[in-house]
PDB file of N, CA and C in Angstrom:
ATOM      1  N   UNK A   1      25.066 -47.363  75.223  1.00  0.00           N
ATOM      2  CA  UNK A   1      24.969 -46.514  74.042  1.00  0.00           C
ATOM      3  C   UNK A   1      23.491 -46.212  73.772  1.00  0.00           C
ATOM      4  N   UNK A   2      23.188 -44.955  73.594  1.00  0.00           N
ATOM      5  CA  UNK A   2      21.830 -44.532  73.344  1.00  0.00           C
ATOM      6  C   UNK A   2      21.509 -44.647  71.856  1.00  0.00           C
ATOM      7  N   UNK A   3      20.399 -45.287  71.554  1.00  0.00           N
ATOM      8  CA  UNK A   3      19.963 -45.370  70.162  1.00  0.00           C
ATOM      9  C   UNK A   3      19.380 -44.019  69.765  1.00  0.00           C
ATOM     10  N   UNK A   4      19.632 -43.602  68.549  1.00  0.00           N
ATOM     11  CA  UNK A   4      19.140 -42.291  68.143  1.00  0.00           C
ATOM     12  C   UNK A   4      18.449 -42.280  66.789  1.00  0.00           C
ATOM     13  N   UNK A   5      18.235 -43.461  66.210  1.00  0.00           N
ATOM     14  CA  UNK A   5      17.541 -43.515  64.928  1.00  0.00           C
ATOM     15  C   UNK A   5      16.851 -44.860  64.790  1.00  0.00           C
ATOM     16  N   UNK A   6      15.790 -44.881  64.042  1.00  0.00           N
ATOM     17  CA  UNK A   6      15.044 -46.107  63.760  1.00  0.00           C
ATOM     18  C   UNK A   6      14.779 -46.142  62.262  1.00  0.00           C
ATOM     19  N   UNK A   7      14.829 -47.316  61.685  1.00  0.00           N
ATOM     20  CA  UNK A   7      14.550 -47.460  60.265  1.00  0.00           C
ATOM     21  C   UNK A   7      13.125 -47.966  60.109  1.00  0.00           C
ATOM     22  N   UNK A   8      12.329 -47.215  59.391  1.00  0.00           N
ATOM     23  CA  UNK A   8      10.956 -47.597  59.089  1.00  0.00           C
ATOM     24  C   UNK A   8      10.985 -48.221  57.704  1.00  0.00           C
ATOM     25  N   UNK A   9      10.479 -49.441  57.590  1.00  0.00           N
ATOM     26  CA  UNK A   9      10.516 -50.083  56.286  1.00  0.00           C
ATOM     27  C   UNK A   9       9.228 -50.820  55.981  1.00  0.00           C
ATOM     28  N   UNK A  10       8.971 -50.943  54.700  1.00  0.00           N
ATOM     29  CA  UNK A  10       7.857 -51.744  54.202  1.00  0.00           C
ATOM     30  C   UNK A  10       8.470 -52.845  53.363  1.00  0.00           C
ATOM     31  N   UNK A  11       8.260 -54.054  53.771  1.00  0.00           N
ATOM     32  CA  UNK A  11       8.866 -55.195  53.096  1.00  0.00           C
ATOM     33  C   UNK A  11       8.116 -55.553  51.821  1.00  0.00           C
ATOM     34  N   UNK A  12       8.686 -56.454  51.075  1.00  0.00           N
ATOM     35  CA  UNK A  12       8.105 -56.902  49.814  1.00  0.00           C
ATOM     36  C   UNK A  12       6.670 -57.369  49.987  1.00  0.00           C
ATOM     37  N   UNK A  13       6.384 -58.069  51.065  1.00  0.00           N
ATOM     38  CA  UNK A  13       5.040 -58.589  51.274  1.00  0.00           C
ATOM     39  C   UNK A  13       4.022 -57.457  51.274  1.00  0.00           C
ATOM     40  N   UNK A  14       4.293 -56.409  52.011  1.00  0.00           N
ATOM     41  CA  UNK A  14       3.360 -55.287  52.061  1.00  0.00           C
ATOM     42  C   UNK A  14       3.244 -54.622  50.697  1.00  0.00           C
ATOM     43  N   UNK A  15       4.363 -54.432  50.036  1.00  0.00           N
ATOM     44  CA  UNK A  15       4.315 -53.794  48.725  1.00  0.00           C
ATOM     45  C   UNK A  15       3.642 -54.691  47.697  1.00  0.00           C
ATOM     46  N   UNK A  16       3.812 -56.002  47.820  1.00  0.00           N
ATOM     47  CA  UNK A  16       3.192 -56.892  46.840  1.00  0.00           C
ATOM     48  C   UNK A  16       1.673 -56.874  46.987  1.00  0.00           C
ATOM     49  N   UNK A  17       1.167 -56.614  48.181  1.00  0.00           N
ATOM     50  CA  UNK A  17      -0.272 -56.488  48.349  1.00  0.00           C
ATOM     51  C   UNK A  17      -0.792 -55.248  47.646  1.00  0.00           C
ATOM     52  N   UNK A  18       0.035 -54.206  47.619  1.00  0.00           N
ATOM     53  CA  UNK A  18      -0.376 -52.963  46.982  1.00  0.00           C
ATOM     54  C   UNK A  18      -0.218 -53.011  45.466  1.00  0.00           C
ATOM     55  N   UNK A  19       0.806 -53.689  45.018  1.00  0.00           N
ATOM     56  CA  UNK A  19       1.101 -53.719  43.582  1.00  0.00           C
ATOM     57  C   UNK A  19       1.578 -55.114  43.200  1.00  0.00           C
ATOM     58  N   UNK A  20       0.688 -55.962  42.698  1.00  0.00           N
ATOM     59  CA  UNK A  20       1.056 -57.346  42.389  1.00  0.00           C
ATOM     60  C   UNK A  20       2.245 -57.485  41.458  1.00  0.00           C
ATOM     61  N   UNK A  21       2.540 -56.497  40.652  1.00  0.00           N
ATOM     62  CA  UNK A  21       3.692 -56.610  39.771  1.00  0.00           C
ATOM     63  C   UNK A  21       5.000 -56.716  40.544  1.00  0.00           C
ATOM     64  N   UNK A  22       5.028 -56.308  41.835  1.00  0.00           N
ATOM     65  CA  UNK A  22       6.226 -56.414  42.650  1.00  0.00           C
ATOM     66  C   UNK A  22       6.379 -57.797  43.278  1.00  0.00           C
ATOM     67  N   UNK A  23       5.385 -58.646  43.112  1.00  0.00           N
ATOM     68  CA  UNK A  23       5.381 -59.929  43.805  1.00  0.00           C
ATOM     69  C   UNK A  23       6.191 -61.013  43.095  1.00  0.00           C
ATOM     70  N   UNK A  24       6.853 -60.697  42.038  1.00  0.00           N
ATOM     71  CA  UNK A  24       7.678 -61.669  41.337  1.00  0.00           C
ATOM     72  C   UNK A  24       8.724 -62.235  42.287  1.00  0.00           C
ATOM     73  N   UNK A  25       9.049 -63.487  42.133  1.00  0.00           N
ATOM     74  CA  UNK A  25       9.950 -64.175  43.059  1.00  0.00           C
ATOM     75  C   UNK A  25      11.301 -63.483  43.195  1.00  0.00           C
ATOM     76  N   UNK A  26      11.863 -62.976  42.121  1.00  0.00           N
ATOM     77  CA  UNK A  26      13.187 -62.378  42.158  1.00  0.00           C
ATOM     78  C   UNK A  26      13.169 -60.860  42.232  1.00  0.00           C
ATOM     79  N   UNK A  27      12.010 -60.264  42.312  1.00  0.00           N
ATOM     80  CA  UNK A  27      11.887 -58.811  42.352  1.00  0.00           C
ATOM     81  C   UNK A  27      11.583 -58.345  43.774  1.00  0.00           C
ATOM     82  N   UNK A  28      12.621 -58.297  44.593  1.00  0.00           N
ATOM     83  CA  UNK A  28      12.453 -57.875  45.968  1.00  0.00           C
ATOM     84  C   UNK A  28      12.517 -56.363  46.045  1.00  0.00           C
ATOM     85  N   UNK A  29      11.490 -55.773  46.630  1.00  0.00           N
ATOM     86  CA  UNK A  29      11.437 -54.322  46.775  1.00  0.00           C
ATOM     87  C   UNK A  29      11.205 -54.011  48.247  1.00  0.00           C
ATOM     88  N   UNK A  30      12.085 -53.230  48.820  1.00  0.00           N
ATOM     89  CA  UNK A  30      11.919 -52.770  50.190  1.00  0.00           C
ATOM     90  C   UNK A  30      12.197 -51.282  50.221  1.00  0.00           C
ATOM     91  N   UNK A  31      11.271 -50.541  50.757  1.00  0.00           N
ATOM     92  CA  UNK A  31      11.464 -49.107  50.934  1.00  0.00           C
ATOM     93  C   UNK A  31      11.707 -48.862  52.406  1.00  0.00           C
ATOM     94  N   UNK A  32      12.631 -47.978  52.703  1.00  0.00           N
ATOM     95  CA  UNK A  32      12.884 -47.660  54.110  1.00  0.00           C
ATOM     96  C   UNK A  32      13.257 -46.197  54.265  1.00  0.00           C
ATOM     97  N   UNK A  33      13.002 -45.700  55.447  1.00  0.00           N
ATOM     98  CA  UNK A  33      13.344 -44.332  55.822  1.00  0.00           C
ATOM     99  C   UNK A  33      13.927 -44.385  57.227  1.00  0.00           C
ATOM    100  N   UNK A  34      15.024 -43.703  57.432  1.00  0.00           N
ATOM    101  CA  UNK A  34      15.604 -43.612  58.763  1.00  0.00           C
ATOM    102  C   UNK A  34      15.030 -42.387  59.458  1.00  0.00           C
ATOM    103  N   UNK A  35      14.516 -42.607  60.662  1.00  0.00           N
ATOM    104  CA  UNK A  35      13.929 -41.534  61.457  1.00  0.00           C
ATOM    105  C   UNK A  35      14.835 -41.291  62.652  1.00  0.00           C
ATOM    106  N   UNK A  36      15.362 -40.099  62.744  1.00  0.00           N
ATOM    107  CA  UNK A  36      16.235 -39.737  63.858  1.00  0.00           C
ATOM    108  C   UNK A  36      15.409 -39.219  65.025  1.00  0.00           C
ATOM    109  N   UNK A  37      15.861 -39.560  66.229  1.00  0.00           N
ATOM    110  CA  UNK A  37      15.213 -39.004  67.412  1.00  0.00           C
ATOM    111  C   UNK A  37      16.237 -38.621  68.475  1.00  0.00           C
ATOM    112  N   UNK A  38      17.458 -38.358  68.034  1.00  0.00           N
ATOM    113  CA  UNK A  38      18.520 -37.955  68.954  1.00  0.00           C
ATOM    114  C   UNK A  38      18.188 -36.643  69.663  1.00  0.00           C
ATOM    115  N   UNK A  39      17.376 -35.816  69.033  1.00  0.00           N
ATOM    116  CA  UNK A  39      17.025 -34.522  69.601  1.00  0.00           C
ATOM    117  C   UNK A  39      15.828 -34.576  70.542  1.00  0.00           C
ATOM    118  N   UNK A  40      15.261 -35.774  70.741  1.00  0.00           N
ATOM    119  CA  UNK A  40      14.039 -35.894  71.542  1.00  0.00           C
ATOM    120  C   UNK A  40      14.292 -36.562  72.881  1.00  0.00           C
ATOM    121  N   UNK A  41      13.547 -36.157  73.890  1.00  0.00           N
ATOM    122  CA  UNK A  41      13.569 -36.794  75.196  1.00  0.00           C
ATOM    123  C   UNK A  41      12.361 -37.722  75.264  1.00  0.00           C
ATOM    124  N   UNK A  42      12.606 -39.019  75.121  1.00  0.00           N
ATOM    125  CA  UNK A  42      11.510 -39.979  75.093  1.00  0.00           C
ATOM    126  C   UNK A  42      10.971 -40.315  76.479  1.00  0.00           C
ATOM    127  N   UNK A  43      11.518 -39.700  77.491  1.00  0.00           N
ATOM    128  CA  UNK A  43      11.026 -39.912  78.848  1.00  0.00           C
ATOM    129  C   UNK A  43       9.816 -39.039  79.147  1.00  0.00           C
ATOM    130  N   UNK A  44       9.481 -38.129  78.232  1.00  0.00           N
ATOM    131  CA  UNK A  44       8.293 -37.294  78.457  1.00  0.00           C
ATOM    132  C   UNK A  44       7.335 -37.394  77.271  1.00  0.00           C
ATOM    133  N   UNK A  45       6.095 -37.014  77.505  1.00  0.00           N
ATOM    134  CA  UNK A  45       5.037 -37.145  76.504  1.00  0.00           C
ATOM    135  C   UNK A  45       5.308 -36.316  75.253  1.00  0.00           C
ATOM    136  N   UNK A  46       5.867 -35.133  75.409  1.00  0.00           N
ATOM    137  CA  UNK A  46       6.121 -34.273  74.244  1.00  0.00           C
ATOM    138  C   UNK A  46       7.134 -34.933  73.305  1.00  0.00           C
ATOM    139  N   UNK A  47       8.202 -35.483  73.853  1.00  0.00           N
ATOM    140  CA  UNK A  47       9.200 -36.151  73.027  1.00  0.00           C
ATOM    141  C   UNK A  47       8.649 -37.398  72.371  1.00  0.00           C
ATOM    142  N   UNK A  48       7.886 -38.189  73.127  1.00  0.00           N
ATOM    143  CA  UNK A  48       7.283 -39.410  72.577  1.00  0.00           C
ATOM    144  C   UNK A  48       6.297 -39.075  71.465  1.00  0.00           C
ATOM    145  N   UNK A  49       5.497 -38.024  71.667  1.00  0.00           N
ATOM    146  CA  UNK A  49       4.540 -37.622  70.638  1.00  0.00           C
ATOM    147  C   UNK A  49       5.254 -37.143  69.377  1.00  0.00           C
ATOM    148  N   UNK A  50       6.322 -36.403  69.533  1.00  0.00           N
ATOM    149  CA  UNK A  50       7.084 -35.926  68.365  1.00  0.00           C
ATOM    150  C   UNK A  50       7.647 -37.107  67.581  1.00  0.00           C
ATOM    151  N   UNK A  51       8.183 -38.101  68.294  1.00  0.00           N
ATOM    152  CA  UNK A  51       8.709 -39.281  67.591  1.00  0.00           C
ATOM    153  C   UNK A  51       7.583 -40.051  66.929  1.00  0.00           C
ATOM    154  N   UNK A  52       6.454 -40.201  67.593  1.00  0.00           N
ATOM    155  CA  UNK A  52       5.310 -40.894  66.995  1.00  0.00           C
ATOM    156  C   UNK A  52       4.904 -40.229  65.685  1.00  0.00           C
ATOM    157  N   UNK A  53       4.856 -38.898  65.658  1.00  0.00           N
ATOM    158  CA  UNK A  53       4.490 -38.189  64.431  1.00  0.00           C
ATOM    159  C   UNK A  53       5.508 -38.434  63.324  1.00  0.00           C
ATOM    160  N   UNK A  54       6.790 -38.487  63.678  1.00  0.00           N
ATOM    161  CA  UNK A  54       7.830 -38.784  62.684  1.00  0.00           C
ATOM    162  C   UNK A  54       7.673 -40.207  62.151  1.00  0.00           C
ATOM    163  N   UNK A  55       7.445 -41.152  63.048  1.00  0.00           N
ATOM    164  CA  UNK A  55       7.266 -42.559  62.650  1.00  0.00           C
ATOM    165  C   UNK A  55       6.055 -42.689  61.743  1.00  0.00           C
ATOM    166  N   UNK A  56       4.978 -42.051  62.128  1.00  0.00           N
ATOM    167  CA  UNK A  56       3.737 -42.106  61.348  1.00  0.00           C
ATOM    168  C   UNK A  56       3.946 -41.556  59.934  1.00  0.00           C
ATOM    169  N   UNK A  57       4.611 -40.422  59.838  1.00  0.00           N
ATOM    170  CA  UNK A  57       4.885 -39.837  58.521  1.00  0.00           C
ATOM    171  C   UNK A  57       5.769 -40.727  57.677  1.00  0.00           C
ATOM    172  N   UNK A  58       6.791 -41.325  58.304  1.00  0.00           N
ATOM    173  CA  UNK A  58       7.688 -42.222  57.571  1.00  0.00           C
ATOM    174  C   UNK A  58       6.950 -43.472  57.107  1.00  0.00           C
ATOM    175  N   UNK A  59       6.070 -44.008  57.943  1.00  0.00           N
ATOM    176  CA  UNK A  59       5.295 -45.196  57.566  1.00  0.00           C
ATOM    177  C   UNK A  59       4.400 -44.898  56.367  1.00  0.00           C
ATOM    178  N   UNK A  60       3.783 -43.734  56.358  1.00  0.00           N
ATOM    179  CA  UNK A  60       2.953 -43.347  55.211  1.00  0.00           C
ATOM    180  C   UNK A  60       3.805 -43.283  53.941  1.00  0.00           C
ATOM    181  N   UNK A  61       5.006 -42.754  54.055  1.00  0.00           N
ATOM    182  CA  UNK A  61       5.875 -42.625  52.885  1.00  0.00           C
ATOM    183  C   UNK A  61       6.338 -43.982  52.369  1.00  0.00           C
ATOM    184  N   UNK A  62       6.756 -44.888  53.259  1.00  0.00           N
ATOM    185  CA  UNK A  62       7.278 -46.166  52.773  1.00  0.00           C
ATOM    186  C   UNK A  62       6.177 -47.080  52.247  1.00  0.00           C
ATOM    187  N   UNK A  63       4.949 -46.829  52.653  1.00  0.00           N
ATOM    188  CA  UNK A  63       3.835 -47.670  52.197  1.00  0.00           C
ATOM    189  C   UNK A  63       3.100 -47.076  51.001  1.00  0.00           C
ATOM    190  N   UNK A  64       3.645 -46.007  50.435  1.00  0.00           N
ATOM    191  CA  UNK A  64       3.037 -45.332  49.295  1.00  0.00           C
ATOM    192  C   UNK A  64       3.851 -45.606  48.040  1.00  0.00           C
ATOM    193  N   UNK A  65       3.179 -45.946  46.965  1.00  0.00           N
ATOM    194  CA  UNK A  65       3.838 -46.217  45.701  1.00  0.00           C
ATOM    195  C   UNK A  65       3.622 -45.072  44.716  1.00  0.00           C
ATOM    196  N   UNK A  66       4.612 -44.888  43.862  1.00  0.00           N
ATOM    197  CA  UNK A  66       4.536 -43.921  42.767  1.00  0.00           C
ATOM    198  C   UNK A  66       4.163 -42.526  43.254  1.00  0.00           C
ATOM    199  N   UNK A  67       3.243 -41.867  42.558  1.00  0.00           N
ATOM    200  CA  UNK A  67       2.866 -40.495  42.888  1.00  0.00           C
ATOM    201  C   UNK A  67       1.579 -40.422  43.705  1.00  0.00           C
ATOM    202  N   UNK A  68       1.178 -41.531  44.269  1.00  0.00           N
ATOM    203  CA  UNK A  68      -0.025 -41.591  45.080  1.00  0.00           C
ATOM    204  C   UNK A  68       0.142 -40.705  46.323  1.00  0.00           C
ATOM    205  N   UNK A  69      -0.926 -40.099  46.767  1.00  0.00           N
ATOM    206  CA  UNK A  69      -0.871 -39.297  47.986  1.00  0.00           C
ATOM    207  C   UNK A  69      -0.521 -40.197  49.161  1.00  0.00           C
ATOM    208  N   UNK A  70       0.462 -39.818  49.972  1.00  0.00           N
ATOM    209  CA  UNK A  70       0.830 -40.671  51.106  1.00  0.00           C
ATOM    210  C   UNK A  70      -0.251 -40.758  52.173  1.00  0.00           C
ATOM    211  N   UNK A  71      -1.259 -39.924  52.108  1.00  0.00           N
ATOM    212  CA  UNK A  71      -2.305 -39.944  53.123  1.00  0.00           C
ATOM    213  C   UNK A  71      -3.640 -40.447  52.593  1.00  0.00           C
ATOM    214  N   UNK A  72      -3.667 -40.976  51.381  1.00  0.00           N
ATOM    215  CA  UNK A  72      -4.879 -41.588  50.840  1.00  0.00           C
ATOM    216  C   UNK A  72      -4.935 -43.024  51.352  1.00  0.00           C
ATOM    217  N   UNK A  73      -5.873 -43.311  52.232  1.00  0.00           N
ATOM    218  CA  UNK A  73      -5.922 -44.626  52.869  1.00  0.00           C
ATOM    219  C   UNK A  73      -7.063 -45.487  52.348  1.00  0.00           C
ATOM    220  N   UNK A  74      -7.412 -45.342  51.083  1.00  0.00           N
ATOM    221  CA  UNK A  74      -8.531 -46.079  50.535  1.00  0.00           C
ATOM    222  C   UNK A  74      -8.251 -47.573  50.408  1.00  0.00           C
ATOM    223  N   UNK A  75      -7.020 -47.967  50.419  1.00  0.00           N
ATOM    224  CA  UNK A  75      -6.636 -49.352  50.199  1.00  0.00           C
ATOM    225  C   UNK A  75      -6.354 -50.042  51.538  1.00  0.00           C
ATOM    226  N   UNK A  76      -7.082 -51.123  51.824  1.00  0.00           N
ATOM    227  CA  UNK A  76      -6.900 -51.794  53.113  1.00  0.00           C
ATOM    228  C   UNK A  76      -5.501 -52.392  53.242  1.00  0.00           C
ATOM    229  N   UNK A  77      -4.899 -52.830  52.138  1.00  0.00           N
ATOM    230  CA  UNK A  77      -3.527 -53.358  52.195  1.00  0.00           C
ATOM    231  C   UNK A  77      -2.557 -52.254  52.589  1.00  0.00           C
ATOM    232  N   UNK A  78      -2.801 -51.060  52.093  1.00  0.00           N
ATOM    233  CA  UNK A  78      -1.947 -49.935  52.450  1.00  0.00           C
ATOM    234  C   UNK A  78      -2.090 -49.608  53.933  1.00  0.00           C
ATOM    235  N   UNK A  79      -3.313 -49.640  54.432  1.00  0.00           N
ATOM    236  CA  UNK A  79      -3.538 -49.393  55.864  1.00  0.00           C
ATOM    237  C   UNK A  79      -2.790 -50.429  56.703  1.00  0.00           C
ATOM    238  N   UNK A  80      -2.846 -51.693  56.297  1.00  0.00           N
ATOM    239  CA  UNK A  80      -2.140 -52.752  57.020  1.00  0.00           C
ATOM    240  C   UNK A  80      -0.636 -52.511  56.990  1.00  0.00           C
ATOM    241  N   UNK A  81      -0.122 -52.085  55.856  1.00  0.00           N
ATOM    242  CA  UNK A  81       1.300 -51.787  55.721  1.00  0.00           C
ATOM    243  C   UNK A  81       1.694 -50.670  56.688  1.00  0.00           C
ATOM    244  N   UNK A  82       0.913 -49.614  56.724  1.00  0.00           N
ATOM    245  CA  UNK A  82       1.215 -48.468  57.584  1.00  0.00           C
ATOM    246  C   UNK A  82       1.176 -48.870  59.053  1.00  0.00           C
ATOM    247  N   UNK A  83       0.125 -49.547  59.456  1.00  0.00           N
ATOM    248  CA  UNK A  83      -0.004 -49.967  60.851  1.00  0.00           C
ATOM    249  C   UNK A  83       1.141 -50.906  61.230  1.00  0.00           C
ATOM    250  N   UNK A  84       1.476 -51.837  60.344  1.00  0.00           N
ATOM    251  CA  UNK A  84       2.577 -52.761  60.615  1.00  0.00           C
ATOM    252  C   UNK A  84       3.911 -52.047  60.750  1.00  0.00           C
ATOM    253  N   UNK A  85       4.159 -51.086  59.882  1.00  0.00           N
ATOM    254  CA  UNK A  85       5.415 -50.333  59.943  1.00  0.00           C
ATOM    255  C   UNK A  85       5.495 -49.517  61.236  1.00  0.00           C
ATOM    256  N   UNK A  86       4.389 -48.902  61.635  1.00  0.00           N
ATOM    257  CA  UNK A  86       4.363 -48.127  62.875  1.00  0.00           C
ATOM    258  C   UNK A  86       4.588 -49.052  64.073  1.00  0.00           C
ATOM    259  N   UNK A  87       3.865 -50.164  64.112  1.00  0.00           N
ATOM    260  CA  UNK A  87       4.023 -51.130  65.214  1.00  0.00           C
ATOM    261  C   UNK A  87       5.476 -51.576  65.355  1.00  0.00           C
ATOM    262  N   UNK A  88       6.089 -51.962  64.236  1.00  0.00           N
ATOM    263  CA  UNK A  88       7.477 -52.457  64.272  1.00  0.00           C
ATOM    264  C   UNK A  88       8.430 -51.375  64.771  1.00  0.00           C
ATOM    265  N   UNK A  89       8.261 -50.167  64.295  1.00  0.00           N
ATOM    266  CA  UNK A  89       9.153 -49.080  64.700  1.00  0.00           C
ATOM    267  C   UNK A  89       9.021 -48.778  66.189  1.00  0.00           C
ATOM    268  N   UNK A  90       7.796 -48.733  66.674  1.00  0.00           N
ATOM    269  CA  UNK A  90       7.585 -48.431  68.087  1.00  0.00           C
ATOM    270  C   UNK A  90       8.169 -49.535  68.959  1.00  0.00           C
ATOM    271  N   UNK A  91       8.022 -50.786  68.538  1.00  0.00           N
ATOM    272  CA  UNK A  91       8.613 -51.887  69.298  1.00  0.00           C
ATOM    273  C   UNK A  91      10.137 -51.797  69.301  1.00  0.00           C
ATOM    274  N   UNK A  92      10.734 -51.393  68.179  1.00  0.00           N
ATOM    275  CA  UNK A  92      12.196 -51.279  68.101  1.00  0.00           C
ATOM    276  C   UNK A  92      12.720 -50.184  69.021  1.00  0.00           C
ATOM    277  N   UNK A  93      12.012 -49.074  69.099  1.00  0.00           N
ATOM    278  CA  UNK A  93      12.448 -47.972  69.959  1.00  0.00           C
ATOM    279  C   UNK A  93      12.361 -48.405  71.425  1.00  0.00           C
ATOM    280  N   UNK A  94      11.322 -49.133  71.762  1.00  0.00           N
ATOM    281  CA  UNK A  94      11.154 -49.713  73.096  1.00  0.00           C
ATOM    282  C   UNK A  94      11.174 -48.659  74.209  1.00  0.00           C
ATOM    283  N   UNK A  95      10.447 -47.589  73.996  1.00  0.00           N
ATOM    284  CA  UNK A  95      10.297 -46.538  75.014  1.00  0.00           C
ATOM    285  C   UNK A  95       8.950 -46.731  75.695  1.00  0.00           C
ATOM    286  N   UNK A  96       8.933 -46.928  77.011  1.00  0.00           N
ATOM    287  CA  UNK A  96       7.655 -47.115  77.713  1.00  0.00           C
ATOM    288  C   UNK A  96       6.676 -45.955  77.506  1.00  0.00           C
ATOM    289  N   UNK A  97       7.183 -44.737  77.467  1.00  0.00           N
ATOM    290  CA  UNK A  97       6.306 -43.574  77.272  1.00  0.00           C
ATOM    291  C   UNK A  97       5.717 -43.596  75.864  1.00  0.00           C
ATOM    292  N   UNK A  98       6.535 -43.910  74.867  1.00  0.00           N
ATOM    293  CA  UNK A  98       6.059 -43.986  73.482  1.00  0.00           C
ATOM    294  C   UNK A  98       5.037 -45.110  73.324  1.00  0.00           C
ATOM    295  N   UNK A  99       5.308 -46.270  73.891  1.00  0.00           N
ATOM    296  CA  UNK A  99       4.383 -47.402  73.796  1.00  0.00           C
ATOM    297  C   UNK A  99       3.045 -47.057  74.447  1.00  0.00           C
ATOM    298  N   UNK A 100       3.078 -46.473  75.636  1.00  0.00           N
ATOM    299  CA  UNK A 100       1.845 -46.105  76.332  1.00  0.00           C
ATOM    300  C   UNK A 100       1.049 -45.066  75.542  1.00  0.00           C
ATOM    301  N   UNK A 101       1.743 -44.079  74.978  1.00  0.00           N
ATOM    302  CA  UNK A 101       1.077 -43.051  74.195  1.00  0.00           C
ATOM    303  C   UNK A 101       0.448 -43.658  72.940  1.00  0.00           C
ATOM    304  N   UNK A 102       1.169 -44.566  72.291  1.00  0.00           N
ATOM    305  CA  UNK A 102       0.643 -45.220  71.078  1.00  0.00           C
ATOM    306  C   UNK A 102      -0.586 -46.055  71.407  1.00  0.00           C
ATOM    307  N   UNK A 103      -0.537 -46.810  72.503  1.00  0.00           N
ATOM    308  CA  UNK A 103      -1.698 -47.607  72.908  1.00  0.00           C
ATOM    309  C   UNK A 103      -2.891 -46.708  73.168  1.00  0.00           C
ATOM    310  N   UNK A 104      -2.677 -45.579  73.834  1.00  0.00           N
ATOM    311  CA  UNK A 104      -3.770 -44.659  74.137  1.00  0.00           C
ATOM    312  C   UNK A 104      -4.349 -44.037  72.869  1.00  0.00           C
ATOM    313  N   UNK A 105      -3.503 -43.672  71.919  1.00  0.00           N
ATOM    314  CA  UNK A 105      -3.977 -43.014  70.690  1.00  0.00           C
ATOM    315  C   UNK A 105      -4.623 -44.003  69.725  1.00  0.00           C
ATOM    316  N   UNK A 106      -4.059 -45.205  69.622  1.00  0.00           N
ATOM    317  CA  UNK A 106      -4.512 -46.140  68.589  1.00  0.00           C
ATOM    318  C   UNK A 106      -5.432 -47.225  69.110  1.00  0.00           C
ATOM    319  N   UNK A 107      -5.401 -47.467  70.416  1.00  0.00           N
ATOM    320  CA  UNK A 107      -6.166 -48.569  70.964  1.00  0.00           C
ATOM    321  C   UNK A 107      -5.559 -49.925  70.669  1.00  0.00           C
ATOM    322  N   UNK A 108      -4.346 -49.932  70.111  1.00  0.00           N
ATOM    323  CA  UNK A 108      -3.666 -51.168  69.737  1.00  0.00           C
ATOM    324  C   UNK A 108      -2.713 -51.590  70.847  1.00  0.00           C
ATOM    325  N   UNK A 109      -2.486 -52.877  70.945  1.00  0.00           N
ATOM    326  CA  UNK A 109      -1.457 -53.407  71.831  1.00  0.00           C
ATOM    327  C   UNK A 109      -0.363 -53.994  70.962  1.00  0.00           C
ATOM    328  N   UNK A 110       0.839 -53.817  71.369  1.00  0.00           N
ATOM    329  CA  UNK A 110       1.971 -54.330  70.609  1.00  0.00           C
ATOM    330  C   UNK A 110       2.340 -55.702  71.125  1.00  0.00           C
ATOM    331  N   UNK A 111       2.697 -56.593  70.189  1.00  0.00           N
ATOM    332  CA  UNK A 111       3.086 -57.939  70.629  1.00  0.00           C
ATOM    333  C   UNK A 111       4.481 -58.279  70.210  1.00  0.00           C
TER     334      UNK A 111
END
C-alpha cells in the first residue's frame, strides 16, 4: 500500500517553549496538518521538491501561534520547532530522493 499523506505536528513541548502558558501539566496542545502527496512522484527531484515545500509550509503553520506571521523566525524556539517538524515528516515519508534533497538544501542529516 502506497502512503499518500503525512501529518506534520508540533507537540506540546515545542509549543510550551513558544508560549509558557501552554506548559501547564493538564493543558496539552498539539497542532497538526495533514500534507497529501498522492499526486507527486517522489522518485524524481521535482516531486520531492514539491513535497518538501508542502512540508515546510505546514511546519511553519503548526509552529506558529495566534496571528503571528508564519514566516517570522525571530524566536529560536520557533526555529527549533519548525526544523524538528520538518525532520520528523521527512523521516516518516522515507523517500531516498526527498532525504537526499533535504540534506543538500539544509546541510542537516536525519537520525
